[in-house]
Amino acid sequence: MALLKLAALGAIGYAGYRYYQSSQNNSPAAFAGGQPRDYDKTDEVTPVRDSGPASMRDKPRRDWTKTDESSDQSFPASDPPANY
């Protein structure tokens, strides 16, 4: 009887785990929800998101300055923005 209860408890735990996994947000942290989801289909090694805080999945903790915006816009390039 105890083995049957243990099996039932394991099945309930597994079902809960599967539900939890399926309800997770699977988009990368850098991509906002409204951005195109074609990053899975690109040939790029690392897809790059659009610039700006609106393109991030999580809201920034503080307001962005002009320097933050310029730095984010120049990300793939190796040259820093001129307004530092």
Protein backbone atom coordinates (compact mmCIF):
# COMPACT_ATOMS: atom_id res chain seq x y z
CA MET A 1 0.00 0.00 0.00
CA ALA A 2 2.84 2.39 0.85
CA LEU A 3 4.45 1.68 -2.50
CA LEU A 4 1.22 2.62 -4.28
CA LYS A 5 1.00 5.90 -2.34
CA LEU A 6 4.62 6.66 -3.17
CA ALA A 7 4.01 5.98 -6.87
CA ALA A 8 0.92 8.24 -6.84
CA LEU A 9 2.87 11.00 -5.11
CA GLY A 10 5.68 10.66 -7.66
CA ALA A 11 3.19 10.87 -10.55
CA ILE A 12 1.61 14.01 -9.10
CA GLY A 13 5.05 15.56 -8.60
CA TYR A 14 6.09 14.74 -12.15
CA ALA A 15 2.86 16.19 -13.57
CA GLY A 16 3.40 19.37 -11.54
CA TYR A 17 6.98 19.63 -12.75
CA ARG A 18 5.92 19.24 -16.40
CA TYR A 19 3.24 21.92 -15.95
CA TYR A 20 5.78 24.26 -14.38
CA GLN A 21 8.26 23.71 -17.23
CA SER A 22 5.63 24.33 -19.92
CA SER A 23 4.48 27.58 -18.31
CA GLN A 24 7.96 29.13 -18.20
CA ASN A 25 8.88 32.03 -20.49
CA ASN A 26 11.26 30.41 -22.98
CA SER A 27 12.36 33.58 -24.75
CA PRO A 28 15.94 34.69 -24.11
CA ALA A 29 16.35 37.37 -21.46
CA ALA A 30 17.52 39.96 -23.96
CA PHE A 31 14.42 39.74 -26.18
CA ALA A 32 11.15 41.51 -25.36
CA GLY A 33 7.87 39.71 -25.88
CA GLY A 34 6.87 41.83 -28.87
CA GLN A 35 10.05 41.25 -30.84
CA PRO A 36 9.99 38.85 -33.78
CA ARG A 37 10.65 35.28 -32.73
CA ASP A 38 12.75 34.53 -35.78
CA TYR A 39 15.92 34.40 -33.69
CA ASP A 40 15.38 30.64 -33.52
CA LYS A 41 15.51 30.38 -37.31
CA THR A 42 18.46 32.65 -38.06
CA ASP A 43 21.86 31.50 -39.24
CA GLU A 44 23.53 33.89 -36.81
CA VAL A 45 25.71 32.38 -34.14
CA THR A 46 24.27 34.79 -31.58
CA PRO A 47 21.16 36.74 -32.56
CA VAL A 48 21.19 40.41 -31.54
CA ARG A 49 18.11 42.16 -30.19
CA ASP A 50 16.92 45.64 -31.14
CA SER A 51 18.43 48.44 -29.08
CA GLY A 52 16.72 50.29 -26.28
CA PRO A 53 15.04 49.41 -23.01
CA ALA A 54 11.73 48.68 -24.77
CA SER A 55 13.37 45.72 -26.51
CA MET A 56 14.40 44.04 -23.27
CA ARG A 57 12.29 41.27 -21.72
CA ASP A 58 12.66 42.65 -18.17
CA LYS A 59 12.11 46.32 -17.38
CA PRO A 60 15.26 48.22 -16.35
CA ARG A 61 15.57 49.11 -12.66
CA ARG A 62 16.26 52.77 -13.42
CA ASP A 63 15.59 55.17 -16.28
CA TRP A 64 18.13 55.04 -19.08
CA THR A 65 20.39 58.02 -19.77
CA LYS A 66 21.52 59.16 -23.19
CA THR A 67 24.83 57.38 -22.55
CA ASP A 68 23.00 54.13 -21.80
CA GLU A 69 21.06 54.42 -25.07
CA SER A 70 24.21 55.19 -27.09
CA SER A 71 26.11 52.32 -25.54
CA ASP A 72 23.25 49.91 -26.24
CA GLN A 73 22.92 51.09 -29.85
CA SER A 74 26.62 50.54 -30.51
CA PHE A 75 26.77 47.07 -28.92
CA PRO A 76 27.98 44.87 -31.80
CA ALA A 77 30.56 47.47 -32.80
CA SER A 78 33.86 47.69 -30.98
CA ASP A 79 33.93 51.51 -31.01
CA PRO A 80 32.43 53.24 -27.95
CA PRO A 81 29.93 56.07 -28.49
CA ALA A 82 31.34 59.59 -28.70
CA ASN A 83 29.20 61.11 -25.95
CA TYR A 84 30.88 59.50 -22.93
